[in-house]
C-alpha cells in the first residue's frame, strides 16, 4: 500500500513535463503559458509538503494522507474535464498536494513495520518517486498520443482513486501522540520563500534572468527570516535544531546539491535524443521514444534500492550515499564521452539509474536514524522540498547552458553545449560526493531506533 502511495506521486510527476506541448496545443496557449501546468504543481507541493509533514507527525496522519490522495483524484478529474485552461491549471494545482505524500508514507513505515522491513520499505519509497518517472513518462505519452490529453488525466485519477480506496481500508491509525499546532506563520514564510525561489528558477527564460535574480535574492532573504523565526519558535513547522545534526545536514545538503547534477543529466538526455540527426548529433526521436530511454534508469533504480537496503546495516548509509554519487558522476562522464549510438545512451541511463537509486535509498535512512519518530514526517518533508529545489535548479541550469551554446538564429545548441552541461553535472555530483564524506563528524549508526 505504501509503495502504491509512492506511485501516485510518480503519476503526478508524469502528467507534468511530458504533456506541456500537448497542453499548449489542446488549450491553444503558448508554450510559456502551458509551462505553468508543471510550475504550479511544484509551487503547491512546496507550500503544502511541510504542512503535511507536520500533520503526519501527529494523530491526524491517516486523515492527512487520505485527504492528500483525494486532492490528487479531484485535481486529475478537474484537469480532464473540458472546462478550459484555467480549470486545467487548478486541477494541476490540486495534484501538487500529492507531492507531500512520500514523507507521510515514510513516517507510516517507520511506525508500523518491524525495523528490517521498515528499512527496506523506506528505501523503496524514496526511490519510487524518481524511478517512476522513467515508467510514467512513456506511459503518459502513449496514453496521450492514442487517446488524447484528457485520457492521461483520467488515467491519473483512476490510479489515485484506487490508492484512496486501498488507503481507506489498509492504512493504520497514527500512534497516540499529542496534537501539535501548525505554525501557520512559519508555513507562510517558508511557502513564500520556496515559491519565490522556484519561480525565479522556472520562469527565468520567460521573465528574463535579471528579474529572476532579484526575485531569488528576495526569496533567500525570506527563507533566512523563516529560519531565524523557526529556531526561536516553541512549536516550529520544522525543527531546525534537528536539521543541524550531522547525519541530517548530510542528507539535506547532498539531496539539494546532488539533485542539481542528477536532474541536469535527465534534462540533457531528454533533449539530446529528440534532436534531429541532421544537426550533427541526436537521434530524431519522438517524445515517446525519449520517455522509453528512461526505462533502464527506472529499472536500475529499483534494483539499486533493494541492494542498498540489504547492505546498509553492514557498511552504513554514508558509504552507500557516497558510492551512489560516484556512480552517477561516472554515468554523466560516460554521456559526455559516448553518445553517438543509442545503446550508449541506454547504458548511461542504466548506470545513472543505479547510482540515483542508491542515493535515494540511503538518503532517508540518514534522517530516519537521526530524528525521533515523532519528527519523521516533518524532517522528511523538508528533505523533499530541498529535493524539488535541486531538481528545479538542475532543469533551469540545463536550459541556460544549452541556450548560451545555441548560435544566433539556430534552433538547436551545439554539441559543445551538451559537453559543458555534462561536465557541470558531473562536477556537481563529484562535489556532493566530497560533501557526503566530509560532513559526518561521527558514525552514521542510527542515533534513534528505527521503529521508536
Protein backbone atom coordinates (compact mmCIF):
# COMPACT_ATOMS: atom_id res chain seq x y z
CA UNK A 1 0.00 0.00 0.00
CA UNK A 2 2.80 2.44 0.87
CA UNK A 3 4.53 1.79 -2.46
CA UNK A 4 1.18 2.46 -4.17
CA UNK A 5 1.20 5.88 -2.49
CA UNK A 6 4.68 6.50 -3.91
CA UNK A 7 3.38 5.61 -7.37
CA UNK A 8 0.68 8.27 -7.03
CA UNK A 9 3.47 10.83 -6.67
CA UNK A 10 5.12 9.43 -9.81
CA UNK A 11 1.83 9.77 -11.68
CA UNK A 12 1.59 13.43 -10.67
CA UNK A 13 5.10 14.00 -12.00
CA UNK A 14 4.45 12.11 -15.22
CA UNK A 15 1.43 14.30 -16.01
CA UNK A 16 3.67 17.38 -15.95
CA UNK A 17 6.72 17.88 -18.17
CA UNK A 18 5.91 15.32 -20.92
CA UNK A 19 2.48 16.85 -21.55
CA UNK A 20 3.43 20.56 -21.70
CA UNK A 21 3.49 20.72 -25.55
CA UNK A 22 0.18 18.82 -25.72
CA UNK A 23 -1.39 21.17 -23.16
CA UNK A 24 -0.30 24.13 -25.30
CA UNK A 25 -1.94 22.69 -28.41
CA UNK A 26 -5.11 21.47 -26.71
CA UNK A 27 -5.67 24.70 -24.76
CA UNK A 28 -4.46 26.95 -27.58
CA UNK A 29 -1.96 28.76 -25.38
CA UNK A 30 1.75 29.46 -25.76
CA UNK A 31 4.39 27.01 -24.54
CA UNK A 32 5.36 29.54 -21.88
CA UNK A 33 1.79 29.59 -20.58
CA UNK A 34 1.48 25.80 -20.80
CA UNK A 35 4.67 25.50 -18.72
CA UNK A 36 2.56 26.67 -15.78
CA UNK A 37 0.85 23.27 -15.81
CA UNK A 38 4.17 21.99 -14.44
CA UNK A 39 5.25 25.03 -12.42
CA UNK A 40 2.02 25.41 -10.44
CA UNK A 41 2.23 21.79 -9.30
CA UNK A 42 5.74 22.35 -7.96
CA UNK A 43 4.70 25.55 -6.21
CA UNK A 44 1.71 23.99 -4.45
CA UNK A 45 3.83 20.99 -3.50
CA UNK A 46 6.48 23.27 -1.98
CA UNK A 47 3.87 25.02 0.17
CA UNK A 48 1.83 22.01 1.27
CA UNK A 49 4.57 19.40 1.79
CA UNK A 50 5.90 20.87 5.09
CA UNK A 51 2.34 21.26 6.41
CA UNK A 52 1.51 17.66 5.55
CA UNK A 53 4.78 16.57 7.13
CA UNK A 54 3.87 18.23 10.42
CA UNK A 55 0.35 16.76 10.31
CA UNK A 56 1.95 13.39 9.66
CA UNK A 57 3.80 13.55 12.97
CA UNK A 58 0.57 13.89 14.97
CA UNK A 59 -2.64 11.93 15.46
CA UNK A 60 -4.13 13.09 12.15
CA UNK A 61 -1.64 11.37 9.82
CA UNK A 62 -4.16 8.94 8.31
CA UNK A 63 -6.62 11.75 7.62
CA UNK A 64 -3.87 13.90 6.09
CA UNK A 65 -2.77 11.05 3.81
CA UNK A 66 -6.26 10.29 2.58
CA UNK A 67 -7.08 13.98 2.10
CA UNK A 68 -3.92 14.49 0.03
CA UNK A 69 -4.74 11.49 -2.18
CA UNK A 70 -8.29 12.78 -2.50
CA UNK A 71 -6.92 16.13 -3.69
CA UNK A 72 -4.97 14.31 -6.41
CA UNK A 73 -8.13 12.45 -7.53
CA UNK A 74 -10.09 15.72 -7.70
CA UNK A 75 -7.22 17.50 -9.45
CA UNK A 76 -6.84 14.85 -12.14
CA UNK A 77 -10.60 14.77 -12.78
CA UNK A 78 -10.80 18.57 -12.99
CA UNK A 79 -7.86 18.72 -15.42
CA UNK A 80 -9.51 16.05 -17.60
CA UNK A 81 -12.83 17.88 -17.95
CA UNK A 82 -13.22 20.22 -20.95
CA UNK A 83 -13.55 23.36 -18.81
CA UNK A 84 -10.70 25.41 -20.24
CA UNK A 85 -7.10 26.20 -19.38
CA UNK A 86 -7.88 27.84 -16.02
CA UNK A 87 -9.62 24.67 -14.80
CA UNK A 88 -6.69 22.57 -16.01
CA UNK A 89 -4.27 24.73 -14.01
CA UNK A 90 -6.50 24.48 -10.95
CA UNK A 91 -6.51 20.71 -11.34
CA UNK A 92 -2.74 20.61 -11.63
CA UNK A 93 -2.51 22.77 -8.50
CA UNK A 94 -4.60 20.24 -6.57
CA UNK A 95 -2.37 17.47 -7.85
CA UNK A 96 0.59 19.31 -6.30
CA UNK A 97 -0.76 18.46 -2.85
CA UNK A 98 0.17 14.85 -3.63
CA UNK A 99 3.88 15.70 -3.80
CA UNK A 100 3.91 15.64 0.00
CA UNK A 101 2.68 12.05 0.28
CA UNK A 102 6.04 10.26 0.43
CA UNK A 103 7.26 11.82 3.72
CA UNK A 104 4.00 10.73 5.35
CA UNK A 105 4.31 7.24 3.90
CA UNK A 106 7.87 7.02 5.29
CA UNK A 107 6.57 8.01 8.72
CA UNK A 108 3.94 5.25 8.49
CA UNK A 109 6.60 2.69 7.52
CA UNK A 110 8.78 3.67 10.45
CA UNK A 111 5.94 3.36 12.97
CA UNK A 112 4.03 0.37 11.61
CA UNK A 113 6.71 -2.04 10.34
CA UNK A 114 9.44 -4.04 12.07
CA UNK A 115 12.88 -2.45 11.77
CA UNK A 116 14.19 -4.67 8.93
CA UNK A 117 11.04 -4.33 6.83
CA UNK A 118 10.82 -0.62 7.59
CA UNK A 119 14.36 -0.06 6.32
CA UNK A 120 13.58 -1.79 3.02
CA UNK A 121 10.23 0.00 2.64
CA UNK A 122 11.72 3.43 3.32
CA UNK A 123 14.46 2.88 0.74
CA UNK A 124 11.93 1.77 -1.87
CA UNK A 125 9.54 4.62 -1.08
CA UNK A 126 12.25 7.20 -1.54
CA UNK A 127 13.39 5.86 -4.90
CA UNK A 128 9.87 5.28 -6.24
CA UNK A 129 9.26 8.97 -6.94
CA UNK A 130 12.29 9.19 -9.24
CA UNK A 131 12.26 5.69 -10.70
CA UNK A 132 8.57 6.02 -11.51
CA UNK A 133 9.35 8.89 -13.86
CA UNK A 134 11.09 6.53 -16.27
CA UNK A 135 7.96 4.38 -16.46
CA UNK A 136 5.44 7.19 -16.17
CA UNK A 137 6.83 9.46 -18.89
CA UNK A 138 6.48 6.98 -21.79
CA UNK A 139 3.16 5.70 -20.42
CA UNK A 140 1.76 9.24 -20.24
CA UNK A 141 3.00 9.87 -23.77
CA UNK A 142 1.44 6.67 -25.14
CA UNK A 143 -1.94 7.31 -23.50
CA UNK A 144 -1.97 10.92 -24.67
CA UNK A 145 -0.99 10.05 -28.24
CA UNK A 146 -3.52 7.24 -28.51
CA UNK A 147 -6.49 8.63 -26.58
CA UNK A 148 -5.87 12.33 -26.06
CA UNK A 149 -4.85 14.64 -23.22
CA UNK A 150 -7.99 14.08 -21.15
CA UNK A 151 -7.37 10.32 -21.11
CA UNK A 152 -3.97 10.85 -19.47
CA UNK A 153 -5.57 12.82 -16.64
CA UNK A 154 -8.40 10.29 -16.28
CA UNK A 155 -5.75 7.58 -16.01
CA UNK A 156 -4.11 9.56 -13.20
CA UNK A 157 -7.50 9.95 -11.49
CA UNK A 158 -8.08 6.18 -11.69
CA UNK A 159 -4.68 5.34 -10.16
CA UNK A 160 -5.16 7.87 -7.36
CA UNK A 161 -8.73 6.68 -6.71
CA UNK A 162 -7.51 3.10 -6.32
CA UNK A 163 -4.89 4.31 -3.86
CA UNK A 164 -7.55 6.26 -1.96
CA UNK A 165 -9.80 3.21 -1.60
CA UNK A 166 -6.92 0.94 -0.63
CA UNK A 167 -5.64 3.52 1.85
CA UNK A 168 -9.04 3.87 3.48
CA UNK A 169 -9.06 0.11 4.05
CA UNK A 170 -5.43 -0.63 4.91
CA UNK A 171 -3.72 2.45 6.38
CA UNK A 172 -3.28 2.14 10.16
CA UNK A 173 -4.11 4.89 12.61
CA UNK A 174 -1.24 7.06 13.78
CA UNK A 175 0.38 6.31 17.15
CA UNK A 176 -1.15 8.01 20.15
CA UNK A 177 0.78 11.27 20.10
CA UNK A 178 -0.35 14.71 21.22
CA UNK A 179 -1.69 17.04 18.56
CA UNK A 180 0.65 19.93 17.80
CA UNK A 181 -0.49 23.27 16.40
CA UNK A 182 0.55 24.10 12.85
CA UNK A 183 2.87 27.10 12.70
CA UNK A 184 0.88 28.95 10.03
CA UNK A 185 3.22 31.93 10.14
CA UNK A 186 6.20 29.66 9.56
CA UNK A 187 4.34 27.82 6.81
CA UNK A 188 3.57 31.14 5.11
CA UNK A 189 7.17 32.36 5.28
CA UNK A 190 8.57 29.04 4.05
CA UNK A 191 5.96 28.87 1.30
CA UNK A 192 6.72 32.41 0.11
CA UNK A 193 10.46 31.77 0.12
CA UNK A 194 10.31 28.46 -1.72
CA UNK A 195 7.71 29.79 -4.17
CA UNK A 196 9.87 32.79 -4.99
CA UNK A 197 12.93 30.60 -5.48
CA UNK A 198 11.12 28.12 -7.71
CA UNK A 199 9.56 30.92 -9.77
CA UNK A 200 12.98 32.51 -10.24
CA UNK A 201 14.35 29.20 -11.48
CA UNK A 202 11.49 28.01 -13.67
CA UNK A 203 10.43 31.37 -15.14
CA UNK A 204 13.90 32.80 -15.78
CA UNK A 205 13.81 32.14 -19.54
CA UNK A 206 10.39 33.85 -19.77
CA UNK A 207 10.77 36.82 -17.42
CA UNK A 208 14.46 37.42 -18.02
CA UNK A 209 17.28 36.40 -15.70
CA UNK A 210 17.79 39.90 -14.26
CA UNK A 211 14.30 39.96 -12.75
CA UNK A 212 14.64 36.33 -11.73
CA UNK A 213 17.88 37.10 -9.89
CA UNK A 214 16.15 39.88 -7.95
CA UNK A 215 13.32 37.52 -7.05
CA UNK A 216 15.80 34.83 -5.99
CA UNK A 217 17.59 37.26 -3.66
CA UNK A 218 14.27 38.30 -2.09
CA UNK A 219 13.32 34.63 -1.67
CA UNK A 220 16.62 33.85 0.06
CA UNK A 221 16.08 36.77 2.46
CA UNK A 222 12.58 35.48 3.27
CA UNK A 223 13.96 31.97 3.87
CA UNK A 224 16.63 33.37 6.20
CA UNK A 225 13.87 35.20 8.09
CA UNK A 226 11.88 31.95 8.27
CA UNK A 227 14.89 30.02 9.61
CA UNK A 228 15.56 32.63 12.28
CA UNK A 229 11.95 32.54 13.46
CA UNK A 230 11.82 28.73 13.40
CA UNK A 231 14.86 28.46 15.66
CA UNK A 232 13.11 30.69 18.21
CA UNK A 233 9.68 29.05 17.99
CA UNK A 234 8.48 26.62 20.66
CA UNK A 235 6.21 24.90 18.09
CA UNK A 236 8.16 25.14 14.82
CA UNK A 237 6.87 23.86 11.50
CA UNK A 238 10.24 22.14 11.02
CA UNK A 239 12.57 21.68 13.97
CA UNK A 240 15.77 23.14 12.54
CA UNK A 241 17.65 22.11 15.67
CA UNK A 242 17.31 18.54 14.43
CA UNK A 243 18.41 19.60 10.94
CA UNK A 244 21.73 20.69 12.48
CA UNK A 245 22.58 17.08 13.35
CA UNK A 246 25.47 15.84 11.16
CA UNK A 247 23.51 13.00 9.57
CA UNK A 248 20.53 15.23 8.75
CA UNK A 249 22.74 18.02 7.35
CA UNK A 250 24.46 15.43 5.17
CA UNK A 251 21.16 14.09 3.88
CA UNK A 252 19.70 17.54 3.18
CA UNK A 253 22.76 19.11 1.53
CA UNK A 254 23.51 16.08 -0.62
CA UNK A 255 19.93 15.80 -1.89
CA UNK A 256 19.90 19.52 -2.69
CA UNK A 257 23.25 19.67 -4.45
CA UNK A 258 23.15 16.17 -5.90
CA UNK A 259 19.64 16.78 -7.20
CA UNK A 260 21.07 19.53 -9.41
CA UNK A 261 23.50 17.17 -11.10
CA UNK A 262 21.04 14.29 -11.39
CA UNK A 263 18.28 16.35 -12.97
CA UNK A 264 20.76 18.06 -15.27
CA UNK A 265 21.50 14.65 -16.78
CA UNK A 266 17.82 13.76 -17.16
CA UNK A 267 17.10 17.11 -18.84
CA UNK A 268 20.07 16.77 -21.18
CA UNK A 269 19.29 13.22 -22.31
CA UNK A 270 15.60 14.01 -22.97
CA UNK A 271 16.55 16.90 -25.28
CA UNK A 272 19.55 15.15 -26.84
CA UNK A 273 17.72 12.09 -28.15
CA UNK A 274 14.95 14.26 -29.67
CA UNK A 275 17.40 16.43 -31.61
CA UNK A 276 17.29 15.79 -35.39
CA UNK A 277 20.35 13.85 -36.52
CA UNK A 278 20.83 16.39 -39.32
CA UNK A 279 22.15 18.81 -36.69
CA UNK A 280 25.20 16.56 -36.31
CA UNK A 281 24.14 14.70 -33.19
CA UNK A 282 20.95 13.31 -31.68
CA UNK A 283 18.59 10.57 -32.84
CA UNK A 284 15.48 12.43 -34.09
CA UNK A 285 13.38 10.50 -31.55
CA UNK A 286 9.73 11.14 -30.69
CA UNK A 287 8.60 12.17 -27.22
CA UNK A 288 7.52 8.58 -26.54
CA UNK A 289 10.91 7.16 -27.52
CA UNK A 290 12.60 9.83 -25.40
CA UNK A 291 10.49 8.59 -22.49
CA UNK A 292 11.38 4.97 -23.19
CA UNK A 293 15.07 5.90 -22.89
CA UNK A 294 14.35 6.45 -19.20
CA UNK A 295 13.09 2.89 -18.66
CA UNK A 296 16.59 1.45 -17.97
CA UNK A 297 17.00 4.31 -15.48
CA UNK A 298 13.87 3.25 -13.62
CA UNK A 299 14.63 -0.47 -13.61
CA UNK A 300 18.17 0.08 -12.36
CA UNK A 301 16.90 2.47 -9.67
CA UNK A 302 14.55 -0.16 -8.27
CA UNK A 303 17.31 -2.78 -8.29
CA UNK A 304 19.70 -0.39 -6.54
CA UNK A 305 17.18 0.38 -3.81
CA UNK A 306 16.95 -3.30 -2.95
CA UNK A 307 20.72 -3.77 -2.96
CA UNK A 308 21.31 -0.65 -0.85
CA UNK A 309 18.75 -1.63 1.77
CA UNK A 310 20.40 -5.06 2.14
CA UNK A 311 23.95 -3.77 2.64
CA UNK A 312 23.16 -0.60 4.60
CA UNK A 313 23.44 -2.27 8.02
CA UNK A 314 26.91 -3.58 7.19
CA UNK A 315 28.62 -0.58 5.61
CA UNK A 316 26.47 2.37 6.73
CA UNK A 317 24.27 4.82 4.88
CA UNK A 318 27.02 7.42 4.38
CA UNK A 319 29.22 5.00 2.42
CA UNK A 320 26.24 3.93 0.31
CA UNK A 321 25.41 7.58 -0.36
CA UNK A 322 28.98 8.33 -1.43
CA UNK A 323 29.08 5.27 -3.69
CA UNK A 324 25.83 6.35 -5.32
CA UNK A 325 27.15 9.80 -6.21
CA UNK A 326 30.35 8.28 -7.56
CA UNK A 327 28.29 6.05 -9.86
CA UNK A 328 26.13 8.97 -11.06
CA UNK A 329 29.24 11.08 -11.75
CA UNK A 330 30.72 8.19 -13.76
CA UNK A 331 27.48 7.85 -15.76
CA UNK A 332 27.47 11.56 -16.60
CA UNK A 333 31.10 11.30 -17.69
CA UNK A 334 30.06 8.42 -19.92
CA UNK A 335 27.40 10.60 -21.54
CA UNK A 336 29.96 13.34 -22.24
CA UNK A 337 32.33 10.87 -23.93
CA UNK A 338 29.97 8.34 -25.55
CA UNK A 339 26.72 9.47 -27.19
CA UNK A 340 26.96 8.56 -30.85
CA UNK A 341 24.69 5.48 -30.83
CA UNK A 342 21.52 4.78 -28.89
CA UNK A 343 22.85 1.79 -26.95
CA UNK A 344 25.43 4.06 -25.34
CA UNK A 345 22.67 6.34 -24.08
CA UNK A 346 20.75 3.36 -22.71
CA UNK A 347 23.84 2.10 -20.86
CA UNK A 348 24.48 5.58 -19.44
CA UNK A 349 20.89 5.81 -18.20
CA UNK A 350 21.05 2.34 -16.61
CA UNK A 351 24.27 3.20 -14.76
CA UNK A 352 22.87 6.58 -13.72
CA UNK A 353 19.68 4.90 -12.52
CA UNK A 354 21.65 2.51 -10.33
CA UNK A 355 23.53 5.43 -8.82
CA UNK A 356 20.41 7.51 -8.25
CA UNK A 357 18.60 4.53 -6.73
CA UNK A 358 21.50 4.03 -4.35
CA UNK A 359 21.46 7.69 -3.32
CA UNK A 360 17.71 7.83 -2.80
CA UNK A 361 17.71 4.60 -0.80
CA UNK A 362 20.43 5.79 1.58
CA UNK A 363 19.38 9.42 1.96
CA UNK A 364 16.20 8.95 4.05
CA UNK A 365 17.91 6.39 6.28
CA UNK A 366 20.30 9.09 7.49
CA UNK A 367 17.33 11.23 8.56
CA UNK A 368 15.23 8.41 9.99
CA UNK A 369 18.21 7.20 12.02
CA UNK A 370 18.90 10.66 13.45
CA UNK A 371 15.49 12.08 14.43
CA UNK A 372 12.79 10.87 16.84
CA UNK A 373 9.84 9.06 15.29
CA UNK A 374 7.57 11.98 16.18
CA UNK A 375 9.62 14.24 13.86
CA UNK A 376 9.98 11.85 10.89
CA UNK A 377 7.26 13.39 8.71
CA UNK A 378 8.44 16.94 9.29
CA UNK A 379 12.13 16.18 8.71
CA UNK A 380 11.42 14.14 5.57
CA UNK A 381 9.08 16.81 4.18
CA UNK A 382 11.87 19.40 4.45
CA UNK A 383 14.18 16.97 2.64
CA UNK A 384 11.51 16.55 -0.06
CA UNK A 385 11.30 20.32 -0.56
CA UNK A 386 15.08 20.56 -0.90
CA UNK A 387 14.97 17.73 -3.43
CA UNK A 388 12.44 19.61 -5.56
CA UNK A 389 14.53 22.79 -5.37
CA UNK A 390 17.61 20.86 -6.50
CA UNK A 391 15.68 19.36 -9.42
CA UNK A 392 14.41 22.81 -10.43
CA UNK A 393 17.93 24.26 -10.32
CA UNK A 394 19.20 21.38 -12.46
CA UNK A 395 16.43 21.84 -15.02
CA UNK A 396 16.97 25.61 -15.20
CA UNK A 397 20.76 25.21 -15.40
CA UNK A 398 20.44 22.77 -18.30
CA UNK A 399 18.29 25.27 -20.18
CA UNK A 400 20.69 28.16 -19.55
CA UNK A 401 23.83 26.28 -20.61
CA UNK A 402 22.22 24.97 -23.79
CA UNK A 403 20.77 28.41 -24.60
CA UNK A 404 24.20 30.06 -24.23
CA UNK A 405 25.63 27.46 -26.63
CA UNK A 406 22.93 27.94 -29.27
CA UNK A 407 24.24 30.05 -32.17
CA UNK A 408 22.27 33.14 -33.16
CA UNK A 409 19.39 32.19 -35.43
CA UNK A 410 19.84 28.46 -34.75
CA UNK A 411 17.19 26.22 -33.21
CA UNK A 412 19.46 23.69 -31.54
CA UNK A 413 22.58 24.11 -29.37
CA UNK A 414 25.97 22.87 -30.45
CA UNK A 415 27.29 19.57 -29.14
CA UNK A 416 29.75 21.64 -27.10
CA UNK A 417 26.81 22.86 -25.02
CA UNK A 418 25.93 19.30 -24.04
CA UNK A 419 29.53 18.58 -23.13
CA UNK A 420 29.75 21.67 -20.94
CA UNK A 421 26.41 20.90 -19.25
CA UNK A 422 27.51 17.29 -18.71
CA UNK A 423 30.78 18.38 -17.13
CA UNK A 424 28.89 20.76 -14.83
CA UNK A 425 26.54 17.93 -13.80
CA UNK A 426 29.49 15.59 -13.18
CA UNK A 427 31.23 18.29 -11.14
CA UNK A 428 28.10 18.79 -9.00
CA UNK A 429 27.92 15.06 -8.27
CA UNK A 430 31.65 14.91 -7.51
CA UNK A 431 31.35 17.87 -5.14
CA UNK A 432 28.35 16.23 -3.47
CA UNK A 433 30.39 13.04 -3.11
CA UNK A 434 33.04 15.06 -1.24
CA UNK A 435 30.35 16.63 0.97
CA UNK A 436 28.86 13.23 1.81
CA UNK A 437 32.28 12.04 3.01
CA UNK A 438 33.41 15.21 4.77
CA UNK A 439 30.28 16.33 6.65
CA UNK A 440 29.54 13.49 9.10
CA UNK A 441 31.52 14.03 12.28
CA UNK A 442 30.61 10.74 13.87
CA UNK A 443 29.49 7.22 12.98
CA UNK A 444 26.32 7.07 10.91
CA UNK A 445 24.90 4.33 13.09
CA UNK A 446 21.28 5.20 13.97
CA UNK A 447 21.02 7.66 16.83
CA UNK A 448 17.38 6.66 17.34
CA UNK A 449 15.92 3.14 16.99
CA UNK A 450 14.20 2.86 13.60
CA UNK A 451 10.80 1.92 14.94
CA UNK A 452 10.75 4.15 18.00
